[in-house]
Amino acid sequence: MGLALTDPDLRALLARTLASLPADGAVVCLCAAWCRVCDDFRPGFEQAAAARPTLAFRWLDIEDEADALGDIDVETFPTLVIGGRDGAVRFAGPVVPQPGQIARLLQSLGL
């Protein structure tokens, strides 16, 4: 089962992220400590965070923070959940772990 933009657990995840880090929107990377692809993706994620200080970025290990996920089922890593300040989910799904991918995605979403 894929991630649906209307999933209440995704909205709740974004709301919690925005509540703890007030911003214009949020980018949450769902990853796992054992995932080498996630390890390779993390520097680009951190660069994107530094380049967009008006957005809240969160690196969330799905095993260490399983309670934060509710019923969200992550099948592919890395998976991003992106939403606006209003908490609406604008993107939820796996991404190609390439440099610049996050910046292009955020630009296409108007963030």
PDB file of N, CA and C in Angstrom:
ATOM      1  N   MET A   1       0.843  -1.183   0.000  1.00  0.00           N
ATOM      2  CA  MET A   1       0.000   0.000   0.000  1.00  0.00           C
ATOM      3  C   MET A   1       0.884   1.240   0.000  1.00  0.00           C
ATOM      4  N   GLY A   2       0.623   2.175  -0.926  1.00  0.00           N
ATOM      5  CA  GLY A   2       1.386   3.414  -1.012  1.00  0.00           C
ATOM      6  C   GLY A   2       0.902   4.440  -0.006  1.00  0.00           C
ATOM      7  N   LEU A   3       1.600   5.545   0.042  1.00  0.00           N
ATOM      8  CA  LEU A   3       1.230   6.620   0.956  1.00  0.00           C
ATOM      9  C   LEU A   3       0.221   7.533   0.275  1.00  0.00           C
ATOM     10  N   ALA A   4      -0.903   7.772   0.924  1.00  0.00           N
ATOM     11  CA  ALA A   4      -1.943   8.639   0.378  1.00  0.00           C
ATOM     12  C   ALA A   4      -1.813  10.032   0.977  1.00  0.00           C
ATOM     13  N   LEU A   5      -1.893  11.052   0.135  1.00  0.00           N
ATOM     14  CA  LEU A   5      -1.741  12.425   0.598  1.00  0.00           C
ATOM     15  C   LEU A   5      -2.792  12.807   1.635  1.00  0.00           C
ATOM     16  N   THR A   6      -3.899  12.095   1.668  1.00  0.00           N
ATOM     17  CA  THR A   6      -4.965  12.389   2.617  1.00  0.00           C
ATOM     18  C   THR A   6      -4.880  11.570   3.898  1.00  0.00           C
ATOM     19  N   ASP A   7      -3.851  10.749   4.033  1.00  0.00           N
ATOM     20  CA  ASP A   7      -3.693   9.879   5.197  1.00  0.00           C
ATOM     21  C   ASP A   7      -3.616  10.720   6.472  1.00  0.00           C
ATOM     22  N   PRO A   8      -4.510  10.492   7.435  1.00  0.00           N
ATOM     23  CA  PRO A   8      -4.489  11.285   8.667  1.00  0.00           C
ATOM     24  C   PRO A   8      -3.193  11.115   9.471  1.00  0.00           C
ATOM     25  N   ASP A   9      -2.546   9.962   9.367  1.00  0.00           N
ATOM     26  CA  ASP A   9      -1.279   9.770  10.077  1.00  0.00           C
ATOM     27  C   ASP A   9      -0.176  10.643   9.481  1.00  0.00           C
ATOM     28  N   LEU A  10      -0.189  10.838   8.152  1.00  0.00           N
ATOM     29  CA  LEU A  10       0.785  11.736   7.532  1.00  0.00           C
ATOM     30  C   LEU A  10       0.544  13.169   7.980  1.00  0.00           C
ATOM     31  N   ARG A  11      -0.719  13.580   7.997  1.00  0.00           N
ATOM     32  CA  ARG A  11      -1.054  14.941   8.452  1.00  0.00           C
ATOM     33  C   ARG A  11      -0.634  15.139   9.905  1.00  0.00           C
ATOM     34  N   ALA A  12      -0.849  14.129  10.733  1.00  0.00           N
ATOM     35  CA  ALA A  12      -0.473  14.224  12.149  1.00  0.00           C
ATOM     36  C   ALA A  12       1.045  14.328  12.294  1.00  0.00           C
ATOM     37  N   LEU A  13       1.786  13.568  11.497  1.00  0.00           N
ATOM     38  CA  LEU A  13       3.244  13.632  11.521  1.00  0.00           C
ATOM     39  C   LEU A  13       3.723  15.041  11.161  1.00  0.00           C
ATOM     40  N   LEU A  14       3.144  15.619  10.124  1.00  0.00           N
ATOM     41  CA  LEU A  14       3.507  16.984   9.739  1.00  0.00           C
ATOM     42  C   LEU A  14       3.129  17.984  10.814  1.00  0.00           C
ATOM     43  N   ALA A  15       1.952  17.824  11.392  1.00  0.00           N
ATOM     44  CA  ALA A  15       1.501  18.753  12.440  1.00  0.00           C
ATOM     45  C   ALA A  15       2.437  18.719  13.636  1.00  0.00           C
ATOM     46  N   ARG A  16       2.861  17.533  14.049  1.00  0.00           N
ATOM     47  CA  ARG A  16       3.799  17.427  15.181  1.00  0.00           C
ATOM     48  C   ARG A  16       5.143  18.057  14.840  1.00  0.00           C
ATOM     49  N   THR A  17       5.600  17.864  13.625  1.00  0.00           N
ATOM     50  CA  THR A  17       6.875  18.451  13.205  1.00  0.00           C
ATOM     51  C   THR A  17       6.771  19.968  13.188  1.00  0.00           C
ATOM     52  N   LEU A  18       5.693  20.489  12.654  1.00  0.00           N
ATOM     53  CA  LEU A  18       5.516  21.947  12.582  1.00  0.00           C
ATOM     54  C   LEU A  18       5.299  22.557  13.957  1.00  0.00           C
ATOM     55  N   ALA A  19       4.675  21.817  14.859  1.00  0.00           N
ATOM     56  CA  ALA A  19       4.447  22.336  16.212  1.00  0.00           C
ATOM     57  C   ALA A  19       5.764  22.467  16.971  1.00  0.00           C
ATOM     58  N   SER A  20       6.686  21.542  16.729  1.00  0.00           N
ATOM     59  CA  SER A  20       7.949  21.583  17.446  1.00  0.00           C
ATOM     60  C   SER A  20       8.971  22.495  16.771  1.00  0.00           C
ATOM     61  N   LEU A  21       8.785  22.746  15.489  1.00  0.00           N
ATOM     62  CA  LEU A  21       9.699  23.588  14.720  1.00  0.00           C
ATOM     63  C   LEU A  21       8.879  24.524  13.836  1.00  0.00           C
ATOM     64  N   PRO A  22       8.329  25.603  14.397  1.00  0.00           N
ATOM     65  CA  PRO A  22       7.480  26.489  13.601  1.00  0.00           C
ATOM     66  C   PRO A  22       8.175  26.935  12.314  1.00  0.00           C
ATOM     67  N   ALA A  23       7.492  26.747  11.192  1.00  0.00           N
ATOM     68  CA  ALA A  23       8.076  27.059   9.900  1.00  0.00           C
ATOM     69  C   ALA A  23       6.973  27.196   8.858  1.00  0.00           C
ATOM     70  N   ASP A  24       7.375  27.531   7.638  1.00  0.00           N
ATOM     71  CA  ASP A  24       6.435  27.674   6.529  1.00  0.00           C
ATOM     72  C   ASP A  24       5.982  26.328   5.974  1.00  0.00           C
ATOM     73  N   GLY A  25       6.678  25.282   6.332  1.00  0.00           N
ATOM     74  CA  GLY A  25       6.351  23.950   5.862  1.00  0.00           C
ATOM     75  C   GLY A  25       7.309  22.972   6.497  1.00  0.00           C
ATOM     76  N   ALA A  26       7.113  21.690   6.184  1.00  0.00           N
ATOM     77  CA  ALA A  26       7.957  20.663   6.787  1.00  0.00           C
ATOM     78  C   ALA A  26       8.361  19.630   5.756  1.00  0.00           C
ATOM     79  N   VAL A  27       9.585  19.124   5.943  1.00  0.00           N
ATOM     80  CA  VAL A  27      10.116  18.038   5.128  1.00  0.00           C
ATOM     81  C   VAL A  27      10.592  16.970   6.110  1.00  0.00           C
ATOM     82  N   VAL A  28       9.963  15.811   6.066  1.00  0.00           N
ATOM     83  CA  VAL A  28      10.323  14.718   6.966  1.00  0.00           C
ATOM     84  C   VAL A  28      10.865  13.573   6.120  1.00  0.00           C
ATOM     85  N   CYS A  29      12.071  13.132   6.452  1.00  0.00           N
ATOM     86  CA  CYS A  29      12.654  11.978   5.770  1.00  0.00           C
ATOM     87  C   CYS A  29      12.463  10.760   6.652  1.00  0.00           C
ATOM     88  N   LEU A  30      11.762   9.776   6.130  1.00  0.00           N
ATOM     89  CA  LEU A  30      11.552   8.517   6.834  1.00  0.00           C
ATOM     90  C   LEU A  30      12.660   7.570   6.393  1.00  0.00           C
ATOM     91  N   CYS A  31      13.452   7.129   7.370  1.00  0.00           N
ATOM     92  CA  CYS A  31      14.647   6.346   7.066  1.00  0.00           C
ATOM     93  C   CYS A  31      14.813   5.252   8.107  1.00  0.00           C
ATOM     94  N   ALA A  32      15.901   4.513   7.967  1.00  0.00           N
ATOM     95  CA  ALA A  32      16.237   3.474   8.939  1.00  0.00           C
ATOM     96  C   ALA A  32      17.749   3.491   9.142  1.00  0.00           C
ATOM     97  N   ALA A  33      18.175   3.252  10.368  1.00  0.00           N
ATOM     98  CA  ALA A  33      19.599   3.300  10.699  1.00  0.00           C
ATOM     99  C   ALA A  33      20.410   2.285   9.893  1.00  0.00           C
ATOM    100  N   TRP A  34      19.814   1.176   9.531  1.00  0.00           N
ATOM    101  CA  TRP A  34      20.530   0.123   8.808  1.00  0.00           C
ATOM    102  C   TRP A  34      20.605   0.384   7.302  1.00  0.00           C
ATOM    103  N   CYS A  35      19.908   1.410   6.822  1.00  0.00           N
ATOM    104  CA  CYS A  35      19.804   1.679   5.378  1.00  0.00           C
ATOM    105  C   CYS A  35      21.011   2.486   4.890  1.00  0.00           C
ATOM    106  N   ARG A  36      21.865   1.872   4.091  1.00  0.00           N
ATOM    107  CA  ARG A  36      23.047   2.550   3.552  1.00  0.00           C
ATOM    108  C   ARG A  36      22.651   3.627   2.540  1.00  0.00           C
ATOM    109  N   VAL A  37      21.564   3.431   1.809  1.00  0.00           N
ATOM    110  CA  VAL A  37      21.087   4.456   0.871  1.00  0.00           C
ATOM    111  C   VAL A  37      20.709   5.715   1.643  1.00  0.00           C
ATOM    112  N   CYS A  38      20.049   5.529   2.788  1.00  0.00           N
ATOM    113  CA  CYS A  38      19.689   6.677   3.630  1.00  0.00           C
ATOM    114  C   CYS A  38      20.943   7.403   4.117  1.00  0.00           C
ATOM    115  N   ASP A  39      21.954   6.640   4.510  1.00  0.00           N
ATOM    116  CA  ASP A  39      23.216   7.247   4.938  1.00  0.00           C
ATOM    117  C   ASP A  39      23.791   8.129   3.836  1.00  0.00           C
ATOM    118  N   ASP A  40      23.746   7.646   2.594  1.00  0.00           N
ATOM    119  CA  ASP A  40      24.263   8.413   1.463  1.00  0.00           C
ATOM    120  C   ASP A  40      23.407   9.635   1.159  1.00  0.00           C
ATOM    121  N   PHE A  41      22.113   9.549   1.450  1.00  0.00           N
ATOM    122  CA  PHE A  41      21.158  10.624   1.165  1.00  0.00           C
ATOM    123  C   PHE A  41      21.219  11.735   2.213  1.00  0.00           C
ATOM    124  N   ARG A  42      21.621  11.393   3.417  1.00  0.00           N
ATOM    125  CA  ARG A  42      21.557  12.344   4.531  1.00  0.00           C
ATOM    126  C   ARG A  42      22.324  13.654   4.302  1.00  0.00           C
ATOM    127  N   PRO A  43      23.545  13.646   3.766  1.00  0.00           N
ATOM    128  CA  PRO A  43      24.228  14.928   3.541  1.00  0.00           C
ATOM    129  C   PRO A  43      23.435  15.874   2.632  1.00  0.00           C
ATOM    130  N   GLY A  44      22.808  15.342   1.592  1.00  0.00           N
ATOM    131  CA  GLY A  44      21.974  16.165   0.714  1.00  0.00           C
ATOM    132  C   GLY A  44      20.756  16.704   1.434  1.00  0.00           C
ATOM    133  N   PHE A  45      20.194  15.892   2.313  1.00  0.00           N
ATOM    134  CA  PHE A  45      19.049  16.320   3.119  1.00  0.00           C
ATOM    135  C   PHE A  45      19.452  17.474   4.031  1.00  0.00           C
ATOM    136  N   GLU A  46      20.617  17.345   4.650  1.00  0.00           N
ATOM    137  CA  GLU A  46      21.110  18.397   5.538  1.00  0.00           C
ATOM    138  C   GLU A  46      21.456  19.671   4.764  1.00  0.00           C
ATOM    139  N   GLN A  47      21.972  19.527   3.551  1.00  0.00           N
ATOM    140  CA  GLN A  47      22.239  20.700   2.707  1.00  0.00           C
ATOM    141  C   GLN A  47      20.947  21.402   2.338  1.00  0.00           C
ATOM    142  N   ALA A  48      19.923  20.629   2.002  1.00  0.00           N
ATOM    143  CA  ALA A  48      18.628  21.221   1.669  1.00  0.00           C
ATOM    144  C   ALA A  48      18.058  21.968   2.869  1.00  0.00           C
ATOM    145  N   ALA A  49      18.231  21.404   4.060  1.00  0.00           N
ATOM    146  CA  ALA A  49      17.753  22.056   5.281  1.00  0.00           C
ATOM    147  C   ALA A  49      18.474  23.385   5.504  1.00  0.00           C
ATOM    148  N   ALA A  50      19.772  23.395   5.295  1.00  0.00           N
ATOM    149  CA  ALA A  50      20.543  24.620   5.481  1.00  0.00           C
ATOM    150  C   ALA A  50      20.160  25.680   4.452  1.00  0.00           C
ATOM    151  N   ALA A  51      19.802  25.255   3.249  1.00  0.00           N
ATOM    152  CA  ALA A  51      19.446  26.180   2.176  1.00  0.00           C
ATOM    153  C   ALA A  51      18.042  26.754   2.316  1.00  0.00           C
ATOM    154  N   ARG A  52      17.199  26.106   3.122  1.00  0.00           N
ATOM    155  CA  ARG A  52      15.806  26.560   3.281  1.00  0.00           C
ATOM    156  C   ARG A  52      15.459  26.694   4.763  1.00  0.00           C
ATOM    157  N   PRO A  53      15.965  27.738   5.410  1.00  0.00           N
ATOM    158  CA  PRO A  53      15.745  27.898   6.851  1.00  0.00           C
ATOM    159  C   PRO A  53      14.292  28.185   7.245  1.00  0.00           C
ATOM    160  N   THR A  54      13.438  28.505   6.278  1.00  0.00           N
ATOM    161  CA  THR A  54      12.033  28.756   6.609  1.00  0.00           C
ATOM    162  C   THR A  54      11.213  27.470   6.680  1.00  0.00           C
ATOM    163  N   LEU A  55      11.846  26.337   6.363  1.00  0.00           N
ATOM    164  CA  LEU A  55      11.169  25.047   6.440  1.00  0.00           C
ATOM    165  C   LEU A  55      11.739  24.227   7.588  1.00  0.00           C
ATOM    166  N   ALA A  56      10.889  23.406   8.187  1.00  0.00           N
ATOM    167  CA  ALA A  56      11.327  22.488   9.242  1.00  0.00           C
ATOM    168  C   ALA A  56      11.724  21.168   8.590  1.00  0.00           C
ATOM    169  N   PHE A  57      12.945  20.732   8.824  1.00  0.00           N
ATOM    170  CA  PHE A  57      13.434  19.464   8.306  1.00  0.00           C
ATOM    171  C   PHE A  57      13.599  18.505   9.475  1.00  0.00           C
ATOM    172  N   ARG A  58      13.157  17.255   9.255  1.00  0.00           N
ATOM    173  CA  ARG A  58      13.253  16.247  10.318  1.00  0.00           C
ATOM    174  C   ARG A  58      13.693  14.920   9.726  1.00  0.00           C
ATOM    175  N   TRP A  59      14.717  14.344  10.302  1.00  0.00           N
ATOM    176  CA  TRP A  59      15.209  13.011   9.927  1.00  0.00           C
ATOM    177  C   TRP A  59      14.599  12.050  10.931  1.00  0.00           C
ATOM    178  N   LEU A  60      13.741  11.145  10.486  1.00  0.00           N
ATOM    179  CA  LEU A  60      13.004  10.292  11.396  1.00  0.00           C
ATOM    180  C   LEU A  60      13.321   8.819  11.120  1.00  0.00           C
ATOM    181  N   ASP A  61      13.965   8.175  12.081  1.00  0.00           N
ATOM    182  CA  ASP A  61      14.259   6.753  11.978  1.00  0.00           C
ATOM    183  C   ASP A  61      12.972   5.992  12.308  1.00  0.00           C
ATOM    184  N   ILE A  62      12.481   5.212  11.359  1.00  0.00           N
ATOM    185  CA  ILE A  62      11.177   4.564  11.532  1.00  0.00           C
ATOM    186  C   ILE A  62      11.168   3.496  12.620  1.00  0.00           C
ATOM    187  N   GLU A  63      12.328   3.022  13.007  1.00  0.00           N
ATOM    188  CA  GLU A  63      12.382   2.032  14.083  1.00  0.00           C
ATOM    189  C   GLU A  63      12.533   2.711  15.442  1.00  0.00           C
ATOM    190  N   ASP A  64      13.382   3.710  15.524  1.00  0.00           N
ATOM    191  CA  ASP A  64      13.578   4.422  16.786  1.00  0.00           C
ATOM    192  C   ASP A  64      12.376   5.268  17.173  1.00  0.00           C
ATOM    193  N   GLU A  65      11.643   5.753  16.174  1.00  0.00           N
ATOM    194  CA  GLU A  65      10.499   6.629  16.436  1.00  0.00           C
ATOM    195  C   GLU A  65       9.216   6.054  15.837  1.00  0.00           C
ATOM    196  N   ALA A  66       9.035   4.764  15.981  1.00  0.00           N
ATOM    197  CA  ALA A  66       7.872   4.084  15.402  1.00  0.00           C
ATOM    198  C   ALA A  66       6.551   4.681  15.879  1.00  0.00           C
ATOM    199  N   ASP A  67       6.502   5.160  17.116  1.00  0.00           N
ATOM    200  CA  ASP A  67       5.262   5.736  17.648  1.00  0.00           C
ATOM    201  C   ASP A  67       4.831   6.980  16.874  1.00  0.00           C
ATOM    202  N   ALA A  68       5.779   7.695  16.293  1.00  0.00           N
ATOM    203  CA  ALA A  68       5.463   8.914  15.542  1.00  0.00           C
ATOM    204  C   ALA A  68       4.785   8.618  14.210  1.00  0.00           C
ATOM    205  N   LEU A  69       4.861   7.368  13.754  1.00  0.00           N
ATOM    206  CA  LEU A  69       4.351   7.023  12.427  1.00  0.00           C
ATOM    207  C   LEU A  69       2.891   6.621  12.379  1.00  0.00           C
ATOM    208  N   GLY A  70       2.320   6.207  13.486  1.00  0.00           N
ATOM    209  CA  GLY A  70       0.956   5.687  13.429  1.00  0.00           C
ATOM    210  C   GLY A  70       0.934   4.461  12.540  1.00  0.00           C
ATOM    211  N   ASP A  71       0.032   4.430  11.575  1.00  0.00           N
ATOM    212  CA  ASP A  71      -0.094   3.290  10.670  1.00  0.00           C
ATOM    213  C   ASP A  71       0.630   3.492   9.340  1.00  0.00           C
ATOM    214  N   ILE A  72       1.492   4.494   9.250  1.00  0.00           N
ATOM    215  CA  ILE A  72       2.235   4.734   8.013  1.00  0.00           C
ATOM    216  C   ILE A  72       3.152   3.546   7.757  1.00  0.00           C
ATOM    217  N   ASP A  73       3.075   3.013   6.552  1.00  0.00           N
ATOM    218  CA  ASP A  73       3.885   1.862   6.169  1.00  0.00           C
ATOM    219  C   ASP A  73       4.911   2.313   5.133  1.00  0.00           C
ATOM    220  N   VAL A  74       6.174   2.279   5.505  1.00  0.00           N
ATOM    221  CA  VAL A  74       7.245   2.698   4.609  1.00  0.00           C
ATOM    222  C   VAL A  74       7.826   1.462   3.943  1.00  0.00           C
ATOM    223  N   GLU A  75       7.784   1.443   2.614  1.00  0.00           N
ATOM    224  CA  GLU A  75       8.262   0.290   1.870  1.00  0.00           C
ATOM    225  C   GLU A  75       9.597   0.539   1.187  1.00  0.00           C
ATOM    226  N   THR A  76       9.913   1.808   0.897  1.00  0.00           N
ATOM    227  CA  THR A  76      11.118   2.157   0.155  1.00  0.00           C
ATOM    228  C   THR A  76      11.820   3.318   0.839  1.00  0.00           C
ATOM    229  N   PHE A  77      13.137   3.239   0.891  1.00  0.00           N
ATOM    230  CA  PHE A  77      13.935   4.303   1.508  1.00  0.00           C
ATOM    231  C   PHE A  77      14.785   4.996   0.464  1.00  0.00           C
ATOM    232  N   PRO A  78      15.018   6.290   0.599  1.00  0.00           N
ATOM    233  CA  PRO A  78      14.372   7.175   1.552  1.00  0.00           C
ATOM    234  C   PRO A  78      12.978   7.571   1.061  1.00  0.00           C
ATOM    235  N   THR A  79      12.100   7.835   2.012  1.00  0.00           N
ATOM    236  CA  THR A  79      10.756   8.317   1.732  1.00  0.00           C
ATOM    237  C   THR A  79      10.619   9.697   2.360  1.00  0.00           C
ATOM    238  N   LEU A  80      10.092  10.643   1.587  1.00  0.00           N
ATOM    239  CA  LEU A  80       9.868  11.991   2.099  1.00  0.00           C
ATOM    240  C   LEU A  80       8.381  12.248   2.286  1.00  0.00           C
ATOM    241  N   VAL A  81       8.079  13.013   3.326  1.00  0.00           N
ATOM    242  CA  VAL A  81       6.735  13.546   3.551  1.00  0.00           C
ATOM    243  C   VAL A  81       6.926  15.053   3.612  1.00  0.00           C
ATOM    244  N   ILE A  82       6.243  15.772   2.715  1.00  0.00           N
ATOM    245  CA  ILE A  82       6.397  17.223   2.619  1.00  0.00           C
ATOM    246  C   ILE A  82       5.026  17.864   2.719  1.00  0.00           C
ATOM    247  N   GLY A  83       4.943  18.917   3.522  1.00  0.00           N
ATOM    248  CA  GLY A  83       3.676  19.623   3.661  1.00  0.00           C
ATOM    249  C   GLY A  83       3.874  21.093   3.911  1.00  0.00           C
ATOM    250  N   GLY A  84       2.800  21.834   3.722  1.00  0.00           N
ATOM    251  CA  GLY A  84       2.815  23.272   3.958  1.00  0.00           C
ATOM    252  C   GLY A  84       2.486  23.599   5.402  1.00  0.00           C
ATOM    253  N   ARG A  85       2.545  24.858   5.726  1.00  0.00           N
ATOM    254  CA  ARG A  85       2.252  25.338   7.083  1.00  0.00           C
ATOM    255  C   ARG A  85       0.854  24.921   7.533  1.00  0.00           C
ATOM    256  N   ASP A  86      -0.060  24.799   6.587  1.00  0.00           N
ATOM    257  CA  ASP A  86      -1.436  24.415   6.914  1.00  0.00           C
ATOM    258  C   ASP A  86      -1.550  22.933   7.292  1.00  0.00           C
ATOM    259  N   GLY A  87      -0.452  22.186   7.167  1.00  0.00           N
ATOM    260  CA  GLY A  87      -0.462  20.769   7.521  1.00  0.00           C
ATOM    261  C   GLY A  87      -0.914  19.848   6.408  1.00  0.00           C
ATOM    262  N   ALA A  88      -1.290  20.431   5.261  1.00  0.00           N
ATOM    263  CA  ALA A  88      -1.707  19.604   4.131  1.00  0.00           C
ATOM    264  C   ALA A  88      -0.494  18.898   3.539  1.00  0.00           C
ATOM    265  N   VAL A  89      -0.639  17.630   3.255  1.00  0.00           N
ATOM    266  CA  VAL A  89       0.435  16.850   2.667  1.00  0.00           C
ATOM    267  C   VAL A  89       0.505  17.176   1.178  1.00  0.00           C
ATOM    268  N   ARG A  90       1.676  17.625   0.724  1.00  0.00           N
ATOM    269  CA  ARG A  90       1.861  17.952  -0.694  1.00  0.00           C
ATOM    270  C   ARG A  90       2.610  16.865  -1.447  1.00  0.00           C
ATOM    271  N   PHE A  91       3.399  16.086  -0.724  1.00  0.00           N
ATOM    272  CA  PHE A  91       4.127  14.976  -1.337  1.00  0.00           C
ATOM    273  C   PHE A  91       4.383  13.930  -0.263  1.00  0.00           C
ATOM    274  N   ALA A  92       4.240  12.672  -0.627  1.00  0.00           N
ATOM    275  CA  ALA A  92       4.572  11.573   0.282  1.00  0.00           C
ATOM    276  C   ALA A  92       4.963  10.384  -0.572  1.00  0.00           C
ATOM    277  N   GLY A  93       6.232  10.025  -0.499  1.00  0.00           N
ATOM    278  CA  GLY A  93       6.683   8.875  -1.266  1.00  0.00           C
ATOM    279  C   GLY A  93       8.185   8.781  -1.327  1.00  0.00           C
ATOM    280  N   PRO A  94       8.659   7.707  -1.927  1.00  0.00           N
ATOM    281  CA  PRO A  94      10.105   7.514  -2.053  1.00  0.00           C
ATOM    282  C   PRO A  94      10.682   8.506  -3.056  1.00  0.00           C
ATOM    283  N   VAL A  95      11.959   8.816  -2.872  1.00  0.00           N
ATOM    284  CA  VAL A  95      12.656   9.715  -3.796  1.00  0.00           C
ATOM    285  C   VAL A  95      13.963   9.059  -4.242  1.00  0.00           C
ATOM    286  N   VAL A  96      14.416   9.478  -5.396  1.00  0.00           N
ATOM    287  CA  VAL A  96      15.713   9.025  -5.894  1.00  0.00           C
ATOM    288  C   VAL A  96      16.779   9.728  -5.054  1.00  0.00           C
ATOM    289  N   PRO A  97      17.680   8.987  -4.445  1.00  0.00           N
ATOM    290  CA  PRO A  97      18.671   9.602  -3.554  1.00  0.00           C
ATOM    291  C   PRO A  97      19.827  10.246  -4.322  1.00  0.00           C
ATOM    292  N   GLN A  98      19.514  11.324  -5.037  1.00  0.00           N
ATOM    293  CA  GLN A  98      20.520  12.037  -5.816  1.00  0.00           C
ATOM    294  C   GLN A  98      20.640  13.468  -5.318  1.00  0.00           C
ATOM    295  N   PRO A  99      21.847  14.039  -5.416  1.00  0.00           N
ATOM    296  CA  PRO A  99      22.021  15.432  -5.019  1.00  0.00           C
ATOM    297  C   PRO A  99      21.060  16.329  -5.807  1.00  0.00           C
ATOM    298  N   GLY A 100      20.481  17.269  -5.131  1.00  0.00           N
ATOM    299  CA  GLY A 100      19.570  18.213  -5.776  1.00  0.00           C
ATOM    300  C   GLY A 100      18.137  17.751  -5.874  1.00  0.00           C
ATOM    301  N   GLN A 101      17.865  16.490  -5.582  1.00  0.00           N
ATOM    302  CA  GLN A 101      16.502  15.961  -5.695  1.00  0.00           C
ATOM    303  C   GLN A 101      15.523  16.713  -4.789  1.00  0.00           C
ATOM    304  N   ILE A 102      15.924  16.969  -3.563  1.00  0.00           N
ATOM    305  CA  ILE A 102      15.029  17.651  -2.616  1.00  0.00           C
ATOM    306  C   ILE A 102      14.751  19.072  -3.091  1.00  0.00           C
ATOM    307  N   ALA A 103      15.795  19.780  -3.531  1.00  0.00           N
ATOM    308  CA  ALA A 103      15.620  21.163  -3.991  1.00  0.00           C
ATOM    309  C   ALA A 103      14.652  21.224  -5.170  1.00  0.00           C
ATOM    310  N   ARG A 104      14.803  20.313  -6.129  1.00  0.00           N
ATOM    311  CA  ARG A 104      13.894  20.297  -7.283  1.00  0.00           C
ATOM    312  C   ARG A 104      12.465  19.990  -6.856  1.00  0.00           C
ATOM    313  N   LEU A 105      12.328  19.054  -5.960  1.00  0.00           N
ATOM    314  CA  LEU A 105      10.993  18.692  -5.482  1.00  0.00           C
ATOM    315  C   LEU A 105      10.338  19.857  -4.738  1.00  0.00           C
ATOM    316  N   LEU A 106      11.082  20.504  -3.856  1.00  0.00           N
ATOM    317  CA  LEU A 106      10.532  21.635  -3.113  1.00  0.00           C
ATOM    318  C   LEU A 106      10.155  22.781  -4.046  1.00  0.00           C
ATOM    319  N   GLN A 107      10.983  23.025  -5.045  1.00  0.00           N
ATOM    320  CA  GLN A 107      10.679  24.081  -6.007  1.00  0.00           C
ATOM    321  C   GLN A 107       9.398  23.753  -6.772  1.00  0.00           C
ATOM    322  N   SER A 108       9.229  22.501  -7.184  1.00  0.00           N
ATOM    323  CA  SER A 108       8.028  22.109  -7.917  1.00  0.00           C
ATOM    324  C   SER A 108       6.776  22.225  -7.058  1.00  0.00           C
ATOM    325  N   LEU A 109       6.943  22.124  -5.738  1.00  0.00           N
ATOM    326  CA  LEU A 109       5.806  22.230  -4.809  1.00  0.00           C
ATOM    327  C   LEU A 109       5.575  23.663  -4.334  1.00  0.00           C
ATOM    328  N   GLY A 110       6.405  24.585  -4.790  1.00  0.00           N
ATOM    329  CA  GLY A 110       6.259  25.985  -4.387  1.00  0.00           C
ATOM    330  C   GLY A 110       6.750  26.270  -2.988  1.00  0.00           C
ATOM    331  N   LEU A 111       7.652  25.456  -2.493  1.00  0.00           N
ATOM    332  CA  LEU A 111       8.214  25.660  -1.164  1.00  0.00           C
ATOM    333  C   LEU A 111       9.638  26.088  -1.335  1.00  0.00           C
TER     334      LEU A 111
END
